[in-house]
Amino acid sequence: MEKDVLICRCKEVSQQEILEAIADGATTVTGVKRRTGAGMGLCQGRTCRRMVTSIIARQLGASVGELEMEKVRPPVRPVKIGALLAGSPCRCEGE
């Protein structure tokens, strides 16, 4: 793979930037995300997470299964889109 290939298309993060983040000490997807923004775009890593994980494993000489997995944090409580559009407070209880 060439180093100028985009791995994260949403945030336009190249393979070179990911390799530099790993050289700087990132050993997890979260570490790479914090240094480069990869996985923080519109798709939230659905497109690039596997590629980033593979690059980290290859650079560390480990298997993908040996790496610490990224923690997924879903929203605390779903909000109805109508509440956001109307600017009204969330009335999640009893609806």
C-alpha atoms as a PDB file:
ATOM      1  CA  MET A   1       0.000   0.000   0.000  1.00  0.00           C
ATOM      2  CA  GLU A   2       1.237   3.479  -0.797  1.00  0.00           C
ATOM      3  CA  LYS A   3       1.643   5.879   2.096  1.00  0.00           C
ATOM      4  CA  ASP A   4      -0.485   8.647   0.529  1.00  0.00           C
ATOM      5  CA  VAL A   5      -3.543   6.382   0.215  1.00  0.00           C
ATOM      6  CA  LEU A   6      -6.533   7.726   2.139  1.00  0.00           C
ATOM      7  CA  ILE A   7      -7.607   5.310   4.835  1.00  0.00           C
ATOM      8  CA  CYS A   8     -10.259   7.503   6.457  1.00  0.00           C
ATOM      9  CA  ARG A   9     -12.121   9.203   3.630  1.00  0.00           C
ATOM     10  CA  CYS A  10     -14.418  11.213   5.902  1.00  0.00           C
ATOM     11  CA  LYS A  11     -11.558  13.013   7.662  1.00  0.00           C
ATOM     12  CA  GLU A  12      -9.049  12.575   4.805  1.00  0.00           C
ATOM     13  CA  VAL A  13      -6.474  10.741   6.928  1.00  0.00           C
ATOM     14  CA  SER A  14      -3.731   9.039   4.935  1.00  0.00           C
ATOM     15  CA  GLN A  15      -1.901   5.836   5.689  1.00  0.00           C
ATOM     16  CA  GLN A  16       1.233   7.933   6.289  1.00  0.00           C
ATOM     17  CA  GLU A  17      -0.529   9.891   9.044  1.00  0.00           C
ATOM     18  CA  ILE A  18      -1.636   6.637  10.676  1.00  0.00           C
ATOM     19  CA  LEU A  19       1.904   5.233  10.484  1.00  0.00           C
ATOM     20  CA  GLU A  20       3.232   8.433  12.077  1.00  0.00           C
ATOM     21  CA  ALA A  21       0.651   8.176  14.879  1.00  0.00           C
ATOM     22  CA  ILE A  22       1.757   4.589  15.557  1.00  0.00           C
ATOM     23  CA  ALA A  23       5.416   5.673  15.544  1.00  0.00           C
ATOM     24  CA  ASP A  24       4.395   8.396  18.022  1.00  0.00           C
ATOM     25  CA  GLY A  25       3.058   5.744  20.417  1.00  0.00           C
ATOM     26  CA  ALA A  26      -0.510   4.969  19.348  1.00  0.00           C
ATOM     27  CA  THR A  27      -1.107   1.248  19.845  1.00  0.00           C
ATOM     28  CA  THR A  28      -4.918   1.204  19.632  1.00  0.00           C
ATOM     29  CA  VAL A  29      -7.597   2.458  17.269  1.00  0.00           C
ATOM     30  CA  THR A  30      -8.539   5.008  19.934  1.00  0.00           C
ATOM     31  CA  GLY A  31      -4.933   6.220  20.105  1.00  0.00           C
ATOM     32  CA  VAL A  32      -4.792   6.665  16.333  1.00  0.00           C
ATOM     33  CA  LYS A  33      -8.193   8.367  16.405  1.00  0.00           C
ATOM     34  CA  ARG A  34      -7.017  10.886  19.018  1.00  0.00           C
ATOM     35  CA  ARG A  35      -3.870  11.729  17.069  1.00  0.00           C
ATOM     36  CA  THR A  36      -5.317  11.834  13.538  1.00  0.00           C
ATOM     37  CA  GLY A  37      -9.108  12.071  13.687  1.00  0.00           C
ATOM     38  CA  ALA A  38      -9.458   8.818  11.717  1.00  0.00           C
ATOM     39  CA  GLY A  39     -12.830   7.304  12.562  1.00  0.00           C
ATOM     40  CA  MET A  40     -14.370  10.567  13.761  1.00  0.00           C
ATOM     41  CA  GLY A  41     -16.027  11.549  10.495  1.00  0.00           C
ATOM     42  CA  LEU A  42     -19.531  11.117   9.205  1.00  0.00           C
ATOM     43  CA  CYS A  43     -19.381   7.300   9.171  1.00  0.00           C
ATOM     44  CA  GLN A  44     -17.881   7.133  12.703  1.00  0.00           C
ATOM     45  CA  GLY A  45     -15.270   4.590  11.617  1.00  0.00           C
ATOM     46  CA  ARG A  46     -17.601   2.146   9.904  1.00  0.00           C
ATOM     47  CA  THR A  47     -15.539   2.435   6.731  1.00  0.00           C
ATOM     48  CA  CYS A  48     -11.984   2.737   8.044  1.00  0.00           C
ATOM     49  CA  ARG A  49     -11.881   1.020  11.452  1.00  0.00           C
ATOM     50  CA  ARG A  50     -10.867  -2.377  10.039  1.00  0.00           C
ATOM     51  CA  MET A  51      -8.124  -0.869   7.889  1.00  0.00           C
ATOM     52  CA  VAL A  52      -6.756   1.173  10.806  1.00  0.00           C
ATOM     53  CA  THR A  53      -6.799  -1.951  12.988  1.00  0.00           C
ATOM     54  CA  SER A  54      -4.946  -3.943  10.315  1.00  0.00           C
ATOM     55  CA  ILE A  55      -2.288  -1.258   9.939  1.00  0.00           C
ATOM     56  CA  ILE A  56      -1.747  -1.130  13.719  1.00  0.00           C
ATOM     57  CA  ALA A  57      -1.465  -4.934  13.937  1.00  0.00           C
ATOM     58  CA  ARG A  58       0.988  -5.058  11.026  1.00  0.00           C
ATOM     59  CA  GLN A  59       3.161  -2.294  12.507  1.00  0.00           C
ATOM     60  CA  LEU A  60       3.188  -3.874  15.970  1.00  0.00           C
ATOM     61  CA  GLY A  61       3.765  -7.398  14.637  1.00  0.00           C
ATOM     62  CA  ALA A  62       0.604  -8.638  16.323  1.00  0.00           C
ATOM     63  CA  SER A  63      -2.613 -10.239  15.177  1.00  0.00           C
ATOM     64  CA  VAL A  64      -5.801  -8.187  15.042  1.00  0.00           C
ATOM     65  CA  GLY A  65      -7.241 -10.357  17.835  1.00  0.00           C
ATOM     66  CA  GLU A  66      -4.415  -9.372  20.187  1.00  0.00           C
ATOM     67  CA  LEU A  67      -5.174  -5.655  19.941  1.00  0.00           C
ATOM     68  CA  GLU A  68      -7.271  -3.770  22.468  1.00  0.00           C
ATOM     69  CA  MET A  69     -10.650  -3.188  20.876  1.00  0.00           C
ATOM     70  CA  GLU A  70     -12.162   0.268  20.663  1.00  0.00           C
ATOM     71  CA  LYS A  71     -14.941   1.000  23.124  1.00  0.00           C
ATOM     72  CA  VAL A  72     -18.224   1.918  21.444  1.00  0.00           C
ATOM     73  CA  ARG A  73     -20.257   4.492  23.326  1.00  0.00           C
ATOM     74  CA  PRO A  74     -23.879   4.685  22.207  1.00  0.00           C
ATOM     75  CA  PRO A  75     -26.015   7.686  23.162  1.00  0.00           C
ATOM     76  CA  VAL A  76     -27.283   7.664  26.726  1.00  0.00           C
ATOM     77  CA  ARG A  77     -30.915   8.093  25.727  1.00  0.00           C
ATOM     78  CA  PRO A  78     -32.509   8.246  22.278  1.00  0.00           C
ATOM     79  CA  VAL A  79     -34.032  11.606  21.377  1.00  0.00           C
ATOM     80  CA  LYS A  80     -36.934  11.971  18.986  1.00  0.00           C
ATOM     81  CA  ILE A  81     -35.971  14.015  15.935  1.00  0.00           C
ATOM     82  CA  GLY A  82     -39.085  16.139  16.360  1.00  0.00           C
ATOM     83  CA  ALA A  83     -37.800  17.347  19.740  1.00  0.00           C
ATOM     84  CA  LEU A  84     -34.564  18.495  18.129  1.00  0.00           C
ATOM     85  CA  LEU A  85     -36.279  20.197  15.218  1.00  0.00           C
ATOM     86  CA  ALA A  86     -38.852  21.988  17.344  1.00  0.00           C
ATOM     87  CA  GLY A  87     -36.273  23.080  19.908  1.00  0.00           C
ATOM     88  CA  SER A  88     -38.451  21.707  22.671  1.00  0.00           C
ATOM     89  CA  PRO A  89     -37.018  19.873  25.696  1.00  0.00           C
ATOM     90  CA  CYS A  90     -36.867  16.101  25.481  1.00  0.00           C
ATOM     91  CA  ARG A  91     -39.929  14.451  26.945  1.00  0.00           C
ATOM     92  CA  CYS A  92     -38.661  10.878  26.900  1.00  0.00           C
ATOM     93  CA  GLU A  93     -40.541   9.780  30.010  1.00  0.00           C
ATOM     94  CA  GLY A  94     -44.015   8.361  29.286  1.00  0.00           C
ATOM     95  CA  GLU A  95     -44.105   8.955  25.521  1.00  0.00           C
END
